[in-house]
């Protein structure tokens, strides 16, 4: 059995354990979950390192590899949340979603379209890793937004007997959402700036990268507006959660849609 296959199996088992917490609220389930989840992340890291050695570059040359890396970073971010009593239940929402996404992309991560354009340029790792970490943080923000909206609905309906009624307090979710948005925005901003420097240094045709640059700017703008409205007019909770989900949808379109519609605008498509 290969390491990627074992990683996916452990993720699936861990997802089942976390989901079982909705029906069996036991400390034993919590302890098992807290053992399995770091094991998932550790195996995931090993599989990424082995993949990088196999393709002789950072495993970010294709959409499956990029999504795989984003899931890994998001999982790393969720580790301390799972080990906190007040936010443990967030794992019930994140880990099954991460497992489903991983099951879709993991079989295709070994297929690389070729070497990234000048992968050893000093701007390359900073640009790619900053963007992927930012996307992972936006993924964390999106999961938090979904949980916030669910919890708010439960409170409004007064359904205290719901299996998800023990979700983190709305104030806790709002703080986590704000932190993930802020750090993600900073990471994406750094990635965009470094990416622009990289494109300029490499002498790339700006018309070729325009589709990715424009859609990236739209995603950046959505999150910038969200943070601005929070500071300027005090947006909290529901409004921030909704605009975060809109921004996350834009990001997914950027990651998948633009690469599919404009394959020449990013990555290996820039090769002469």
Protein backbone atom coordinates (compact mmCIF):
# COMPACT_ATOMS: atom_id res chain seq x y z
CA UNK A 1 0.00 0.00 0.00
CA UNK A 2 1.38 3.42 -0.98
CA UNK A 3 1.72 6.35 1.42
CA UNK A 4 -0.94 8.47 -0.42
CA UNK A 5 -3.42 5.56 -0.26
CA UNK A 6 -2.70 5.05 3.44
CA UNK A 7 -3.10 8.79 4.01
CA UNK A 8 -6.53 8.79 2.40
CA UNK A 9 -7.62 5.70 4.38
CA UNK A 10 -6.59 7.34 7.67
CA UNK A 11 -8.45 10.52 6.67
CA UNK A 12 -11.57 8.46 5.96
CA UNK A 13 -11.35 6.66 9.31
CA UNK A 14 -10.74 9.95 11.12
CA UNK A 15 -13.76 11.51 9.39
CA UNK A 16 -15.91 8.64 10.59
CA UNK A 17 -14.72 9.09 14.16
CA UNK A 18 -15.38 12.83 14.10
CA UNK A 19 -18.85 12.36 12.61
CA UNK A 20 -19.62 9.77 15.29
CA UNK A 21 -19.11 12.53 17.87
CA UNK A 22 -22.45 13.99 16.76
CA UNK A 23 -24.13 10.81 18.02
CA UNK A 24 -21.76 9.68 20.78
CA UNK A 25 -20.55 12.70 22.74
CA UNK A 26 -17.89 10.80 24.63
CA UNK A 27 -14.45 11.78 25.84
CA UNK A 28 -13.16 8.53 24.34
CA UNK A 29 -14.27 9.67 20.87
CA UNK A 30 -12.52 13.00 21.44
CA UNK A 31 -9.27 11.33 22.50
CA UNK A 32 -9.30 8.94 19.52
CA UNK A 33 -9.96 11.87 17.18
CA UNK A 34 -7.05 13.82 18.64
CA UNK A 35 -4.72 10.88 18.01
CA UNK A 36 -5.91 10.13 14.49
CA UNK A 37 -5.98 13.66 13.11
CA UNK A 38 -2.28 14.50 13.70
CA UNK A 39 -1.49 11.08 12.22
CA UNK A 40 -3.41 12.13 9.09
CA UNK A 41 -1.44 15.34 8.82
CA UNK A 42 1.88 13.57 9.41
CA UNK A 43 1.20 11.00 6.69
CA UNK A 44 -0.01 13.76 4.41
CA UNK A 45 3.27 15.62 4.88
CA UNK A 46 5.28 12.48 4.09
CA UNK A 47 3.26 11.90 0.92
CA UNK A 48 3.87 15.50 -0.20
CA UNK A 49 7.62 15.21 0.44
CA UNK A 50 7.78 11.94 -1.53
CA UNK A 51 5.76 13.49 -4.36
CA UNK A 52 8.12 16.48 -4.48
CA UNK A 53 11.11 14.15 -4.74
CA UNK A 54 9.38 12.18 -7.49
CA UNK A 55 8.65 15.21 -9.69
CA UNK A 56 11.82 17.11 -8.62
CA UNK A 57 10.02 20.33 -7.66
CA UNK A 58 7.42 21.73 -5.31
CA UNK A 59 4.26 19.66 -5.94
CA UNK A 60 2.26 22.63 -7.24
CA UNK A 61 2.51 22.05 -10.98
CA UNK A 62 -1.13 21.03 -11.47
CA UNK A 63 -4.57 21.73 -10.04
CA UNK A 64 -4.71 18.41 -8.09
CA UNK A 65 -1.29 19.08 -6.57
CA UNK A 66 -2.29 22.62 -5.60
CA UNK A 67 -5.55 21.50 -3.97
CA UNK A 68 -3.68 18.70 -2.20
CA UNK A 69 -1.22 21.22 -0.74
CA UNK A 70 -4.04 23.57 0.25
CA UNK A 71 -5.81 20.75 2.11
CA UNK A 72 -2.57 19.94 3.93
CA UNK A 73 -2.03 23.51 5.14
CA UNK A 74 -5.68 23.83 6.17
CA UNK A 75 -5.34 20.59 8.14
CA UNK A 76 -2.25 21.95 9.91
CA UNK A 77 -4.21 25.07 10.84
CA UNK A 78 -7.03 22.94 12.26
CA UNK A 79 -4.79 20.88 14.57
CA UNK A 80 -4.78 23.41 17.45
CA UNK A 81 -8.53 23.97 16.96
CA UNK A 82 -9.19 20.26 17.37
CA UNK A 83 -7.15 20.22 20.59
CA UNK A 84 -9.16 23.10 22.08
CA UNK A 85 -12.35 22.05 23.83
CA UNK A 86 -14.31 25.08 22.63
CA UNK A 87 -13.53 24.50 18.95
CA UNK A 88 -13.13 20.71 18.75
CA UNK A 89 -16.48 20.25 17.02
CA UNK A 90 -15.26 22.32 14.04
CA UNK A 91 -13.35 19.21 13.01
CA UNK A 92 -16.70 17.50 12.38
CA UNK A 93 -17.26 19.97 9.55
CA UNK A 94 -13.72 20.33 8.22
CA UNK A 95 -12.28 16.82 8.17
CA UNK A 96 -15.07 15.11 6.17
CA UNK A 97 -14.95 18.00 3.64
CA UNK A 98 -11.15 17.75 3.43
CA UNK A 99 -11.37 13.96 3.03
CA UNK A 100 -13.90 14.27 0.20
CA UNK A 101 -11.75 16.84 -1.64
CA UNK A 102 -8.63 14.74 -1.05
CA UNK A 103 -10.32 11.64 -2.47
CA UNK A 104 -11.03 13.58 -5.69
CA UNK A 105 -7.51 14.95 -6.26
CA UNK A 106 -5.13 12.47 -4.62
CA UNK A 107 -5.28 9.88 -7.45
CA UNK A 108 -4.13 12.59 -9.89
CA UNK A 109 -1.39 14.29 -7.87
CA UNK A 110 1.31 12.02 -9.31
CA UNK A 111 0.68 13.28 -12.82
CA UNK A 112 2.76 16.41 -13.45
CA UNK A 113 2.37 18.44 -16.66
CA UNK A 114 6.06 19.23 -16.58
CA UNK A 115 8.50 21.55 -14.80
CA UNK A 116 7.21 24.86 -13.57
CA UNK A 117 8.55 27.89 -15.46
CA UNK A 118 12.00 28.51 -13.99
CA UNK A 119 11.18 26.83 -10.66
CA UNK A 120 14.50 27.78 -9.08
CA UNK A 121 13.95 31.51 -9.37
CA UNK A 122 14.02 32.94 -5.81
CA UNK A 123 10.54 34.48 -6.15
CA UNK A 124 8.88 31.18 -7.10
CA UNK A 125 8.62 29.37 -3.73
CA UNK A 126 7.61 32.56 -1.90
CA UNK A 127 4.89 33.34 -4.42
CA UNK A 128 3.39 29.87 -4.62
CA UNK A 129 3.55 28.99 -0.93
CA UNK A 130 2.16 32.39 0.14
CA UNK A 131 -0.80 32.01 -2.20
CA UNK A 132 -1.51 28.41 -1.19
CA UNK A 133 -1.28 29.22 2.53
CA UNK A 134 -3.62 32.16 1.97
CA UNK A 135 -6.07 29.90 0.12
CA UNK A 136 -5.88 27.38 2.98
CA UNK A 137 -6.70 30.12 5.48
CA UNK A 138 -9.64 31.22 3.33
CA UNK A 139 -10.79 27.59 3.38
CA UNK A 140 -10.66 27.68 7.19
CA UNK A 141 -12.62 30.95 7.10
CA UNK A 142 -15.22 29.38 4.79
CA UNK A 143 -15.75 26.39 7.11
CA UNK A 144 -16.01 28.75 10.07
CA UNK A 145 -18.54 30.86 8.16
CA UNK A 146 -20.72 27.81 7.47
CA UNK A 147 -20.61 26.81 11.14
CA UNK A 148 -21.43 30.38 12.18
CA UNK A 149 -24.51 30.51 9.93
CA UNK A 150 -25.67 27.08 11.15
CA UNK A 151 -25.25 28.04 14.80
CA UNK A 152 -27.01 31.36 14.29
CA UNK A 153 -29.94 29.55 12.68
CA UNK A 154 -30.10 27.06 15.56
CA UNK A 155 -30.23 29.94 18.05
CA UNK A 156 -32.99 31.72 16.13
CA UNK A 157 -35.06 28.53 15.92
CA UNK A 158 -34.40 27.71 19.56
CA UNK A 159 -33.51 24.14 18.63
CA UNK A 160 -31.41 23.38 21.68
CA UNK A 161 -31.77 19.63 21.13
CA UNK A 162 -30.04 19.71 17.74
CA UNK A 163 -27.01 17.45 17.46
CA UNK A 164 -24.98 20.52 16.48
CA UNK A 165 -26.34 22.75 19.24
CA UNK A 166 -23.04 22.49 21.15
CA UNK A 167 -21.19 24.47 18.49
CA UNK A 168 -18.68 27.13 19.57
CA UNK A 169 -20.09 30.43 20.75
CA UNK A 170 -20.85 32.93 17.99
CA UNK A 171 -18.28 35.31 19.47
CA UNK A 172 -15.61 32.57 19.29
CA UNK A 173 -16.51 31.79 15.69
CA UNK A 174 -16.44 35.48 14.78
CA UNK A 175 -12.95 35.91 16.25
CA UNK A 176 -11.70 32.81 14.45
CA UNK A 177 -13.25 34.01 11.20
CA UNK A 178 -11.62 37.41 11.56
CA UNK A 179 -8.20 35.87 12.33
CA UNK A 180 -8.36 33.49 9.36
CA UNK A 181 -9.49 36.28 7.03
CA UNK A 182 -6.77 38.67 8.19
CA UNK A 183 -3.91 36.17 7.96
CA UNK A 184 -5.22 34.81 4.66
CA UNK A 185 -5.50 38.31 3.22
CA UNK A 186 -1.93 39.09 4.26
CA UNK A 187 -0.62 35.84 2.73
CA UNK A 188 -2.50 36.36 -0.54
CA UNK A 189 -1.31 39.98 -0.74
CA UNK A 190 2.31 38.90 -0.29
CA UNK A 191 1.81 36.20 -2.91
CA UNK A 192 0.34 38.68 -5.42
CA UNK A 193 3.13 41.21 -4.91
CA UNK A 194 5.86 38.58 -5.20
CA UNK A 195 4.08 37.06 -8.21
CA UNK A 196 4.10 40.44 -9.93
CA UNK A 197 7.82 40.81 -9.21
CA UNK A 198 8.41 37.31 -10.54
CA UNK A 199 6.48 38.01 -13.75
CA UNK A 200 8.35 41.27 -14.27
CA UNK A 201 11.75 39.69 -13.62
CA UNK A 202 10.99 36.84 -16.02
CA UNK A 203 9.78 39.25 -18.68
CA UNK A 204 6.41 37.51 -19.03
CA UNK A 205 3.79 38.89 -21.39
CA UNK A 206 1.26 40.73 -19.21
CA UNK A 207 -1.51 39.96 -21.69
CA UNK A 208 -1.00 36.24 -21.15
CA UNK A 209 -1.33 36.40 -17.38
CA UNK A 210 -4.17 38.98 -17.46
CA UNK A 211 -7.03 36.44 -16.86
CA UNK A 212 -5.40 35.11 -13.69
CA UNK A 213 -4.34 38.56 -12.52
CA UNK A 214 -7.85 39.99 -12.97
CA UNK A 215 -9.68 37.15 -11.25
CA UNK A 216 -7.08 37.14 -8.48
CA UNK A 217 -7.64 40.84 -7.99
CA UNK A 218 -11.41 40.26 -7.77
CA UNK A 219 -10.93 37.65 -5.04
CA UNK A 220 -8.51 39.93 -3.20
CA UNK A 221 -11.00 42.81 -3.47
CA UNK A 222 -13.87 40.77 -1.98
CA UNK A 223 -11.83 39.96 1.11
CA UNK A 224 -10.44 43.49 1.28
CA UNK A 225 -14.00 44.85 1.33
CA UNK A 226 -14.94 42.41 4.08
CA UNK A 227 -12.05 43.51 6.29
CA UNK A 228 -12.61 47.17 5.47
CA UNK A 229 -16.29 46.99 6.38
CA UNK A 230 -15.42 45.33 9.67
CA UNK A 231 -13.14 48.20 10.65
CA UNK A 232 -15.08 51.03 8.99
CA UNK A 233 -18.69 50.26 9.95
CA UNK A 234 -18.35 47.36 12.35
CA UNK A 235 -19.49 44.40 10.24
CA UNK A 236 -19.61 41.26 12.36
CA UNK A 237 -20.90 37.74 12.23
CA UNK A 238 -23.48 36.97 9.56
CA UNK A 239 -22.45 39.63 7.04
CA UNK A 240 -18.79 38.69 7.28
CA UNK A 241 -19.65 34.99 6.98
CA UNK A 242 -21.72 35.55 3.83
CA UNK A 243 -19.13 37.70 2.06
CA UNK A 244 -16.45 35.18 3.06
CA UNK A 245 -18.35 32.38 1.32
CA UNK A 246 -18.73 34.61 -1.75
CA UNK A 247 -15.00 35.31 -1.74
CA UNK A 248 -14.19 31.62 -1.26
CA UNK A 249 -16.37 30.77 -4.28
CA UNK A 250 -14.42 33.33 -6.32
CA UNK A 251 -11.19 31.75 -5.15
CA UNK A 252 -12.33 28.28 -6.24
CA UNK A 253 -13.22 29.67 -9.65
CA UNK A 254 -9.78 31.25 -9.85
CA UNK A 255 -8.06 28.02 -8.89
CA UNK A 256 -10.00 25.70 -11.20
CA UNK A 257 -12.02 27.73 -13.69
CA UNK A 258 -9.31 30.08 -14.89
CA UNK A 259 -6.73 27.32 -15.27
CA UNK A 260 -9.26 25.36 -17.31
CA UNK A 261 -10.47 28.26 -19.45
CA UNK A 262 -7.10 30.00 -19.80
CA UNK A 263 -4.42 27.27 -19.43
CA UNK A 264 -1.76 29.56 -20.88
CA UNK A 265 -2.20 32.16 -18.12
CA UNK A 266 -0.49 30.35 -15.25
CA UNK A 267 2.06 27.71 -14.29
CA UNK A 268 3.25 25.43 -17.06
CA UNK A 269 1.11 27.37 -19.53
CA UNK A 270 3.74 30.11 -19.36
CA UNK A 271 6.39 27.84 -20.77
CA UNK A 272 7.58 29.00 -24.20
